[in-house]
Every structure is written in C-alpha cells, then in structure tokens.
PDB file of all heavy atoms in Angstrom:
ATOM      1  N   VAL A   1       0.843  -1.200   0.000  1.00  0.00           N
ATOM      2  CA  VAL A   1       0.000   0.000   0.000  1.00  0.00           C
ATOM      3  C   VAL A   1       0.875   1.245   0.000  1.00  0.00           C
ATOM      4  O   VAL A   1       0.620   2.200  -0.746  1.00  0.00           O
ATOM      5  CB  VAL A   1      -0.970  -0.009   1.208  1.00  0.00           C
ATOM      6  CG1 VAL A   1      -1.664   1.337   1.369  1.00  0.00           C
ATOM      7  CG2 VAL A   1      -1.998  -1.126   1.039  1.00  0.00           C
ATOM      8  N   CYS A   2       1.917   1.249   0.817  1.00  0.00           N
ATOM      9  CA  CYS A   2       2.816   2.410   0.885  1.00  0.00           C
ATOM     10  C   CYS A   2       3.486   2.684  -0.454  1.00  0.00           C
ATOM     11  O   CYS A   2       3.626   3.847  -0.859  1.00  0.00           O
ATOM     12  CB  CYS A   2       3.866   2.220   1.963  1.00  0.00           C
ATOM     13  SG  CYS A   2       3.248   2.477   3.633  1.00  0.00           S
ATOM     14  N   GLU A   3       3.902   1.649  -1.154  1.00  0.00           N
ATOM     15  CA  GLU A   3       4.525   1.863  -2.461  1.00  0.00           C
ATOM     16  C   GLU A   3       3.542   2.508  -3.426  1.00  0.00           C
ATOM     17  O   GLU A   3       3.899   3.431  -4.157  1.00  0.00           O
ATOM     18  CB  GLU A   3       5.062   0.548  -3.036  1.00  0.00           C
ATOM     19  CG  GLU A   3       5.727   0.691  -4.387  1.00  0.00           C
ATOM     20  CD  GLU A   3       6.986   1.562  -4.391  1.00  0.00           C
ATOM     21  OE1 GLU A   3       7.513   1.907  -3.319  1.00  0.00           O
ATOM     22  OE2 GLU A   3       7.441   1.896  -5.506  1.00  0.00           O
ATOM     23  N   SER A   4       2.298   2.057  -3.421  1.00  0.00           N
ATOM     24  CA  SER A   4       1.304   2.688  -4.301  1.00  0.00           C
ATOM     25  C   SER A   4       1.101   4.148  -3.910  1.00  0.00           C
ATOM     26  O   SER A   4       0.935   5.015  -4.772  1.00  0.00           O
ATOM     27  CB  SER A   4      -0.020   1.917  -4.288  1.00  0.00           C
ATOM     28  OG  SER A   4      -0.708   2.080  -3.068  1.00  0.00           O
ATOM     29  N   GLY A   5       1.156   4.442  -2.618  1.00  0.00           N
ATOM     30  CA  GLY A   5       1.025   5.817  -2.154  1.00  0.00           C
ATOM     31  C   GLY A   5       2.233   6.675  -2.480  1.00  0.00           C
ATOM     32  O   GLY A   5       2.101   7.843  -2.859  1.00  0.00           O
ATOM     33  N   ARG A   6       3.431   6.109  -2.341  1.00  0.00           N
ATOM     34  CA  ARG A   6       4.653   6.863  -2.677  1.00  0.00           C
ATOM     35  C   ARG A   6       4.636   7.302  -4.135  1.00  0.00           C
ATOM     36  O   ARG A   6       5.108   8.394  -4.473  1.00  0.00           O
ATOM     37  CB  ARG A   6       5.889   6.017  -2.386  1.00  0.00           C
ATOM     38  CG  ARG A   6       6.225   5.924  -0.908  1.00  0.00           C
ATOM     39  CD  ARG A   6       7.564   5.237  -0.680  1.00  0.00           C
ATOM     40  NE  ARG A   6       7.527   3.809  -0.935  1.00  0.00           N
ATOM     41  CZ  ARG A   6       7.333   2.876  -0.013  1.00  0.00           C
ATOM     42  NH1 ARG A   6       7.128   3.220   1.246  1.00  0.00           N
ATOM     43  NH2 ARG A   6       7.329   1.598  -0.336  1.00  0.00           N
ATOM     44  N   LEU A   7       4.090   6.455  -4.986  1.00  0.00           N
ATOM     45  CA  LEU A   7       3.984   6.823  -6.405  1.00  0.00           C
ATOM     46  C   LEU A   7       3.029   8.004  -6.596  1.00  0.00           C
ATOM     47  O   LEU A   7       3.270   8.884  -7.418  1.00  0.00           O
ATOM     48  CB  LEU A   7       3.535   5.625  -7.236  1.00  0.00           C
ATOM     49  CG  LEU A   7       4.545   4.487  -7.326  1.00  0.00           C
ATOM     50  CD1 LEU A   7       3.905   3.252  -7.942  1.00  0.00           C
ATOM     51  CD2 LEU A   7       5.775   4.904  -8.109  1.00  0.00           C
ATOM     52  N   LEU A   8       1.944   8.024  -5.825  1.00  0.00           N
ATOM     53  CA  LEU A   8       1.008   9.148  -5.900  1.00  0.00           C
ATOM     54  C   LEU A   8       1.683  10.441  -5.438  1.00  0.00           C
ATOM     55  O   LEU A   8       1.449  11.503  -6.018  1.00  0.00           O
ATOM     56  CB  LEU A   8      -0.237   8.856  -5.061  1.00  0.00           C
ATOM     57  CG  LEU A   8      -1.116   7.715  -5.560  1.00  0.00           C
ATOM     58  CD1 LEU A   8      -2.184   7.368  -4.529  1.00  0.00           C
ATOM     59  CD2 LEU A   8      -1.741   8.059  -6.906  1.00  0.00           C
ATOM     60  N   VAL A   9       2.529  10.337  -4.435  1.00  0.00           N
ATOM     61  CA  VAL A   9       3.285  11.508  -3.976  1.00  0.00           C
ATOM     62  C   VAL A   9       4.281  11.930  -5.060  1.00  0.00           C
ATOM     63  O   VAL A   9       4.412  13.123  -5.367  1.00  0.00           O
ATOM     64  CB  VAL A   9       4.013  11.200  -2.645  1.00  0.00           C
ATOM     65  CG1 VAL A   9       4.961  12.334  -2.267  1.00  0.00           C
ATOM     66  CG2 VAL A   9       2.997  10.955  -1.528  1.00  0.00           C
ATOM     67  N   ARG A  10       4.954  10.958  -5.664  1.00  0.00           N
ATOM     68  CA  ARG A  10       5.950  11.250  -6.700  1.00  0.00           C
ATOM     69  C   ARG A  10       5.365  12.062  -7.853  1.00  0.00           C
ATOM     70  O   ARG A  10       6.012  12.959  -8.382  1.00  0.00           O
ATOM     71  CB  ARG A  10       6.552   9.959  -7.246  1.00  0.00           C
ATOM     72  CG  ARG A  10       7.603  10.244  -8.325  1.00  0.00           C
ATOM     73  CD  ARG A  10       8.022   9.083  -9.162  1.00  0.00           C
ATOM     74  NE  ARG A  10       8.360   7.880  -8.442  1.00  0.00           N
ATOM     75  CZ  ARG A  10       8.745   6.760  -9.049  1.00  0.00           C
ATOM     76  NH1 ARG A  10       8.849   6.705 -10.355  1.00  0.00           N
ATOM     77  NH2 ARG A  10       9.011   5.686  -8.348  1.00  0.00           N
ATOM     78  N   ILE A  11       4.135  11.741  -8.240  1.00  0.00           N
ATOM     79  CA  ILE A  11       3.538  12.451  -9.382  1.00  0.00           C
ATOM     80  C   ILE A  11       2.799  13.720  -8.957  1.00  0.00           C
ATOM     81  O   ILE A  11       2.197  14.387  -9.784  1.00  0.00           O
ATOM     82  CB  ILE A  11       2.602  11.531 -10.203  1.00  0.00           C
ATOM     83  CG1 ILE A  11       1.406  11.061  -9.371  1.00  0.00           C
ATOM     84  CG2 ILE A  11       3.397  10.370 -10.803  1.00  0.00           C
ATOM     85  CD1 ILE A  11       0.322  10.371 -10.177  1.00  0.00           C
ATOM     86  N   GLY A  12       2.845  14.046  -7.671  1.00  0.00           N
ATOM     87  CA  GLY A  12       2.233  15.280  -7.198  1.00  0.00           C
ATOM     88  C   GLY A  12       0.742  15.208  -6.946  1.00  0.00           C
ATOM     89  O   GLY A  12       0.088  16.234  -6.790  1.00  0.00           O
ATOM     90  N   ALA A  13       0.196  14.004  -6.888  1.00  0.00           N
ATOM     91  CA  ALA A  13      -1.242  13.850  -6.656  1.00  0.00           C
ATOM     92  C   ALA A  13      -1.591  13.901  -5.174  1.00  0.00           C
ATOM     93  O   ALA A  13      -2.734  14.193  -4.814  1.00  0.00           O
ATOM     94  CB  ALA A  13      -1.745  12.542  -7.260  1.00  0.00           C
ATOM     95  N   ALA A  14      -0.593  13.633  -4.308  1.00  0.00           N
ATOM     96  CA  ALA A  14      -0.876  13.551  -2.871  1.00  0.00           C
ATOM     97  C   ALA A  14       0.316  14.025  -2.056  1.00  0.00           C
ATOM     98  O   ALA A  14       1.457  14.021  -2.529  1.00  0.00           O
ATOM     99  CB  ALA A  14      -1.217  12.113  -2.492  1.00  0.00           C
ATOM    100  N   ASP A  15       0.018  14.408  -0.828  1.00  0.00           N
ATOM    101  CA  ASP A  15       1.045  14.715   0.164  1.00  0.00           C
ATOM    102  C   ASP A  15       1.483  13.416   0.835  1.00  0.00           C
ATOM    103  O   ASP A  15       0.719  12.437   0.843  1.00  0.00           O
ATOM    104  CB  ASP A  15       0.477  15.640   1.252  1.00  0.00           C
ATOM    105  CG  ASP A  15       0.194  17.037   0.742  1.00  0.00           C
ATOM    106  OD1 ASP A  15       0.946  17.517  -0.131  1.00  0.00           O
ATOM    107  OD2 ASP A  15      -0.778  17.642   1.226  1.00  0.00           O
ATOM    108  N   PRO A  16       2.655  13.385   1.461  1.00  0.00           N
ATOM    109  CA  PRO A  16       3.088  12.174   2.179  1.00  0.00           C
ATOM    110  C   PRO A  16       2.095  11.710   3.245  1.00  0.00           C
ATOM    111  O   PRO A  16       1.973  10.504   3.484  1.00  0.00           O
ATOM    112  CB  PRO A  16       4.426  12.600   2.803  1.00  0.00           C
ATOM    113  CG  PRO A  16       4.952  13.629   1.852  1.00  0.00           C
ATOM    114  CD  PRO A  16       3.725  14.385   1.396  1.00  0.00           C
ATOM    115  N   ALA A  17       1.363  12.629   3.852  1.00  0.00           N
ATOM    116  CA  ALA A  17       0.372  12.235   4.859  1.00  0.00           C
ATOM    117  C   ALA A  17      -0.710  11.334   4.260  1.00  0.00           C
ATOM    118  O   ALA A  17      -1.294  10.504   4.969  1.00  0.00           O
ATOM    119  CB  ALA A  17      -0.266  13.476   5.480  1.00  0.00           C
ATOM    120  N   TYR A  18      -0.960  11.473   2.977  1.00  0.00           N
ATOM    121  CA  TYR A  18      -1.966  10.652   2.309  1.00  0.00           C
ATOM    122  C   TYR A  18      -1.570   9.175   2.352  1.00  0.00           C
ATOM    123  O   TYR A  18      -2.421   8.300   2.519  1.00  0.00           O
ATOM    124  CB  TYR A  18      -2.159  11.124   0.861  1.00  0.00           C
ATOM    125  CG  TYR A  18      -3.338  10.505   0.167  1.00  0.00           C
ATOM    126  CD1 TYR A  18      -4.623  11.005   0.365  1.00  0.00           C
ATOM    127  CD2 TYR A  18      -3.190   9.419  -0.684  1.00  0.00           C
ATOM    128  CE1 TYR A  18      -5.718  10.440  -0.278  1.00  0.00           C
ATOM    129  CE2 TYR A  18      -4.275   8.846  -1.324  1.00  0.00           C
ATOM    130  CZ  TYR A  18      -5.540   9.350  -1.114  1.00  0.00           C
ATOM    131  OH  TYR A  18      -6.630   8.792  -1.742  1.00  0.00           O
ATOM    132  N   VAL A  19      -0.275   8.906   2.214  1.00  0.00           N
ATOM    133  CA  VAL A  19       0.216   7.524   2.243  1.00  0.00           C
ATOM    134  C   VAL A  19      -0.085   6.894   3.601  1.00  0.00           C
ATOM    135  O   VAL A  19      -0.580   5.767   3.686  1.00  0.00           O
ATOM    136  CB  VAL A  19       1.730   7.461   1.936  1.00  0.00           C
ATOM    137  CG1 VAL A  19       2.224   6.028   1.955  1.00  0.00           C
ATOM    138  CG2 VAL A  19       2.030   8.127   0.596  1.00  0.00           C
ATOM    139  N   GLU A  20       0.194   7.626   4.650  1.00  0.00           N
ATOM    140  CA  GLU A  20      -0.101   7.140   6.001  1.00  0.00           C
ATOM    141  C   GLU A  20      -1.599   6.889   6.171  1.00  0.00           C
ATOM    142  O   GLU A  20      -2.009   5.905   6.788  1.00  0.00           O
ATOM    143  CB  GLU A  20       0.374   8.151   7.037  1.00  0.00           C
ATOM    144  CG  GLU A  20       1.870   8.315   7.072  1.00  0.00           C
ATOM    145  CD  GLU A  20       2.310   9.469   7.959  1.00  0.00           C
ATOM    146  OE1 GLU A  20       1.590   9.793   8.931  1.00  0.00           O
ATOM    147  OE2 GLU A  20       3.372  10.038   7.673  1.00  0.00           O
ATOM    148  N   ALA A  21      -2.401   7.774   5.599  1.00  0.00           N
ATOM    149  CA  ALA A  21      -3.856   7.623   5.702  1.00  0.00           C
ATOM    150  C   ALA A  21      -4.347   6.406   4.922  1.00  0.00           C
ATOM    151  O   ALA A  21      -5.324   5.765   5.325  1.00  0.00           O
ATOM    152  CB  ALA A  21      -4.547   8.894   5.217  1.00  0.00           C
ATOM    153  N   MET A  22      -3.681   6.057   3.835  1.00  0.00           N
ATOM    154  CA  MET A  22      -4.045   4.864   3.071  1.00  0.00           C
ATOM    155  C   MET A  22      -3.850   3.608   3.933  1.00  0.00           C
ATOM    156  O   MET A  22      -4.714   2.732   3.952  1.00  0.00           O
ATOM    157  CB  MET A  22      -3.200   4.758   1.791  1.00  0.00           C
ATOM    158  CG  MET A  22      -3.495   5.818   0.752  1.00  0.00           C
ATOM    159  SD  MET A  22      -2.268   5.847  -0.590  1.00  0.00           S
ATOM    160  CE  MET A  22      -2.745   4.389  -1.514  1.00  0.00           C
ATOM    161  N   VAL A  23      -2.728   3.540   4.625  1.00  0.00           N
ATOM    162  CA  VAL A  23      -2.450   2.400   5.502  1.00  0.00           C
ATOM    163  C   VAL A  23      -3.439   2.378   6.657  1.00  0.00           C
ATOM    164  O   VAL A  23      -3.986   1.322   7.010  1.00  0.00           O
ATOM    165  CB  VAL A  23      -0.995   2.436   6.009  1.00  0.00           C
ATOM    166  CG1 VAL A  23      -0.751   1.349   7.056  1.00  0.00           C
ATOM    167  CG2 VAL A  23      -0.026   2.287   4.851  1.00  0.00           C
ATOM    168  N   LYS A  24      -3.699   3.523   7.247  1.00  0.00           N
ATOM    169  CA  LYS A  24      -4.646   3.615   8.363  1.00  0.00           C
ATOM    170  C   LYS A  24      -6.038   3.165   7.915  1.00  0.00           C
ATOM    171  O   LYS A  24      -6.744   2.460   8.650  1.00  0.00           O
ATOM    172  CB  LYS A  24      -4.685   5.052   8.885  1.00  0.00           C
ATOM    173  CG  LYS A  24      -5.571   5.257  10.062  1.00  0.00           C
ATOM    174  CD  LYS A  24      -4.898   4.795  11.312  1.00  0.00           C
ATOM    175  CE  LYS A  24      -5.702   5.249  12.508  1.00  0.00           C
ATOM    176  NZ  LYS A  24      -5.223   4.664  13.731  1.00  0.00           N
ATOM    177  N   ASN A  25      -6.443   3.544   6.707  1.00  0.00           N
ATOM    178  CA  ASN A  25      -7.737   3.132   6.175  1.00  0.00           C
ATOM    179  C   ASN A  25      -7.834   1.614   6.108  1.00  0.00           C
ATOM    180  O   ASN A  25      -8.857   1.027   6.491  1.00  0.00           O
ATOM    181  CB  ASN A  25      -7.970   3.749   4.793  1.00  0.00           C
ATOM    182  CG  ASN A  25      -9.321   3.411   4.222  1.00  0.00           C
ATOM    183  OD1 ASN A  25     -10.339   3.432   4.909  1.00  0.00           O
ATOM    184  ND2 ASN A  25      -9.349   3.102   2.937  1.00  0.00           N
ATOM    185  N   LEU A  26      -6.780   0.964   5.666  1.00  0.00           N
ATOM    186  CA  LEU A  26      -6.758  -0.497   5.600  1.00  0.00           C
ATOM    187  C   LEU A  26      -6.853  -1.101   6.997  1.00  0.00           C
ATOM    188  O   LEU A  26      -7.617  -2.045   7.226  1.00  0.00           O
ATOM    189  CB  LEU A  26      -5.481  -0.964   4.895  1.00  0.00           C
ATOM    190  CG  LEU A  26      -5.223  -2.467   4.832  1.00  0.00           C
ATOM    191  CD1 LEU A  26      -6.360  -3.197   4.133  1.00  0.00           C
ATOM    192  CD2 LEU A  26      -3.897  -2.735   4.135  1.00  0.00           C
ATOM    193  N   GLU A  27      -6.112  -0.538   7.934  1.00  0.00           N
ATOM    194  CA  GLU A  27      -6.115  -1.063   9.301  1.00  0.00           C
ATOM    195  C   GLU A  27      -7.462  -0.875   9.987  1.00  0.00           C
ATOM    196  O   GLU A  27      -7.940  -1.772  10.682  1.00  0.00           O
ATOM    197  CB  GLU A  27      -5.015  -0.381  10.117  1.00  0.00           C
ATOM    198  CG  GLU A  27      -3.621  -0.771   9.663  1.00  0.00           C
ATOM    199  CD  GLU A  27      -2.527   0.070  10.299  1.00  0.00           C
ATOM    200  OE1 GLU A  27      -2.828   1.024  11.049  1.00  0.00           O
ATOM    201  OE2 GLU A  27      -1.346  -0.230  10.043  1.00  0.00           O
ATOM    202  N   VAL A  28      -8.085   0.271   9.772  1.00  0.00           N
ATOM    203  CA  VAL A  28      -9.339   0.598  10.460  1.00  0.00           C
ATOM    204  C   VAL A  28     -10.550  -0.044   9.782  1.00  0.00           C
ATOM    205  O   VAL A  28     -11.424  -0.610  10.438  1.00  0.00           O
ATOM    206  CB  VAL A  28      -9.530   2.129  10.553  1.00  0.00           C
ATOM    207  CG1 VAL A  28     -10.921   2.485  11.047  1.00  0.00           C
ATOM    208  CG2 VAL A  28      -8.470   2.736  11.453  1.00  0.00           C
ATOM    209  N   ASN A  29     -10.596   0.035   8.451  1.00  0.00           N
ATOM    210  CA  ASN A  29     -11.797  -0.387   7.727  1.00  0.00           C
ATOM    211  C   ASN A  29     -11.703  -1.771   7.106  1.00  0.00           C
ATOM    212  O   ASN A  29     -12.668  -2.254   6.523  1.00  0.00           O
ATOM    213  CB  ASN A  29     -12.142   0.649   6.657  1.00  0.00           C
ATOM    214  CG  ASN A  29     -12.504   1.975   7.271  1.00  0.00           C
ATOM    215  OD1 ASN A  29     -13.296   2.043   8.208  1.00  0.00           O
ATOM    216  ND2 ASN A  29     -11.910   3.054   6.766  1.00  0.00           N
ATOM    217  N   GLY A  30     -10.549  -2.393   7.189  1.00  0.00           N
ATOM    218  CA  GLY A  30     -10.433  -3.755   6.707  1.00  0.00           C
ATOM    219  C   GLY A  30     -10.113  -3.865   5.231  1.00  0.00           C
ATOM    220  O   GLY A  30      -9.726  -2.906   4.571  1.00  0.00           O
ATOM    221  N   THR A  31     -10.318  -5.043   4.721  1.00  0.00           N
ATOM    222  CA  THR A  31      -9.832  -5.401   3.393  1.00  0.00           C
ATOM    223  C   THR A  31     -10.843  -5.174   2.265  1.00  0.00           C
ATOM    224  O   THR A  31     -10.707  -5.764   1.204  1.00  0.00           O
ATOM    225  CB  THR A  31      -9.385  -6.869   3.394  1.00  0.00           C
ATOM    226  OG1 THR A  31     -10.490  -7.679   3.786  1.00  0.00           O
ATOM    227  CG2 THR A  31      -8.220  -7.091   4.328  1.00  0.00           C
ATOM    228  N   TYR A  32     -11.815  -4.297   2.474  1.00  0.00           N
ATOM    229  CA  TYR A  32     -12.747  -3.997   1.392  1.00  0.00           C
ATOM    230  C   TYR A  32     -12.020  -3.442   0.169  1.00  0.00           C
ATOM    231  O   TYR A  32     -12.557  -3.459  -0.947  1.00  0.00           O
ATOM    232  CB  TYR A  32     -13.832  -3.009   1.855  1.00  0.00           C
ATOM    233  CG  TYR A  32     -13.371  -1.580   1.916  1.00  0.00           C
ATOM    234  CD1 TYR A  32     -13.604  -0.717   0.854  1.00  0.00           C
ATOM    235  CD2 TYR A  32     -12.682  -1.086   3.021  1.00  0.00           C
ATOM    236  CE1 TYR A  32     -13.156   0.595   0.893  1.00  0.00           C
ATOM    237  CE2 TYR A  32     -12.240   0.211   3.074  1.00  0.00           C
ATOM    238  CZ  TYR A  32     -12.475   1.053   2.009  1.00  0.00           C
ATOM    239  OH  TYR A  32     -12.025   2.350   2.046  1.00  0.00           O
ATOM    240  N   ILE A  33     -10.781  -2.956   0.356  1.00  0.00           N
ATOM    241  CA  ILE A  33     -10.012  -2.416  -0.763  1.00  0.00           C
ATOM    242  C   ILE A  33      -9.556  -3.512  -1.722  1.00  0.00           C
ATOM    243  O   ILE A  33      -9.098  -3.212  -2.825  1.00  0.00           O
ATOM    244  CB  ILE A  33      -8.802  -1.589  -0.292  1.00  0.00           C
ATOM    245  CG1 ILE A  33      -7.776  -2.473   0.408  1.00  0.00           C
ATOM    246  CG2 ILE A  33      -9.246  -0.413   0.562  1.00  0.00           C
ATOM    247  CD1 ILE A  33      -6.421  -1.818   0.609  1.00  0.00           C
ATOM    248  N   VAL A  34      -9.659  -4.773  -1.316  1.00  0.00           N
ATOM    249  CA  VAL A  34      -9.342  -5.882  -2.224  1.00  0.00           C
ATOM    250  C   VAL A  34     -10.614  -6.120  -3.036  1.00  0.00           C
ATOM    251  O   VAL A  34     -11.524  -6.821  -2.622  1.00  0.00           O
ATOM    252  CB  VAL A  34      -8.874  -7.137  -1.458  1.00  0.00           C
ATOM    253  CG1 VAL A  34      -8.461  -8.232  -2.443  1.00  0.00           C
ATOM    254  CG2 VAL A  34      -7.720  -6.796  -0.524  1.00  0.00           C
ATOM    255  N   ILE A  35     -10.651  -5.476  -4.198  1.00  0.00           N
ATOM    256  CA  ILE A  35     -11.900  -5.319  -4.955  1.00  0.00           C
ATOM    257  C   ILE A  35     -12.245  -6.488  -5.859  1.00  0.00           C
ATOM    258  O   ILE A  35     -13.372  -6.601  -6.326  1.00  0.00           O
ATOM    259  CB  ILE A  35     -11.866  -4.012  -5.781  1.00  0.00           C
ATOM    260  CG1 ILE A  35     -10.684  -4.025  -6.756  1.00  0.00           C
ATOM    261  CG2 ILE A  35     -11.815  -2.803  -4.848  1.00  0.00           C
ATOM    262  CD1 ILE A  35     -10.692  -2.894  -7.766  1.00  0.00           C
ATOM    263  N   ALA A  36     -11.256  -7.339  -6.138  1.00  0.00           N
ATOM    264  CA  ALA A  36     -11.460  -8.495  -7.017  1.00  0.00           C
ATOM    265  C   ALA A  36     -10.327  -9.475  -6.724  1.00  0.00           C
ATOM    266  O   ALA A  36      -9.349  -9.111  -6.067  1.00  0.00           O
ATOM    267  CB  ALA A  36     -11.427  -8.056  -8.480  1.00  0.00           C
TER     268      ALA A  36
END
C-alpha cells in the first residue's frame, strides 16, 4: 500500500500524509479495498 502511495506523492497527486492515511484506512476499515 505504501509503495502505491509513494507513487502518488511522486507524481504530485498527494502529500506524504496521504500515504499514512491509506495504511490507516486499511487497518481501520479492513480489506474492502481488495476489490477483485
């Protein structure tokens, strides 16, 4: 998840805090992000 977020930061789509929030979302809300 962090690698996917680091790429978003690299292209200017997100701040580094967004990466942390992506991981937190997985921890708090579970694996619904595994879409298929």
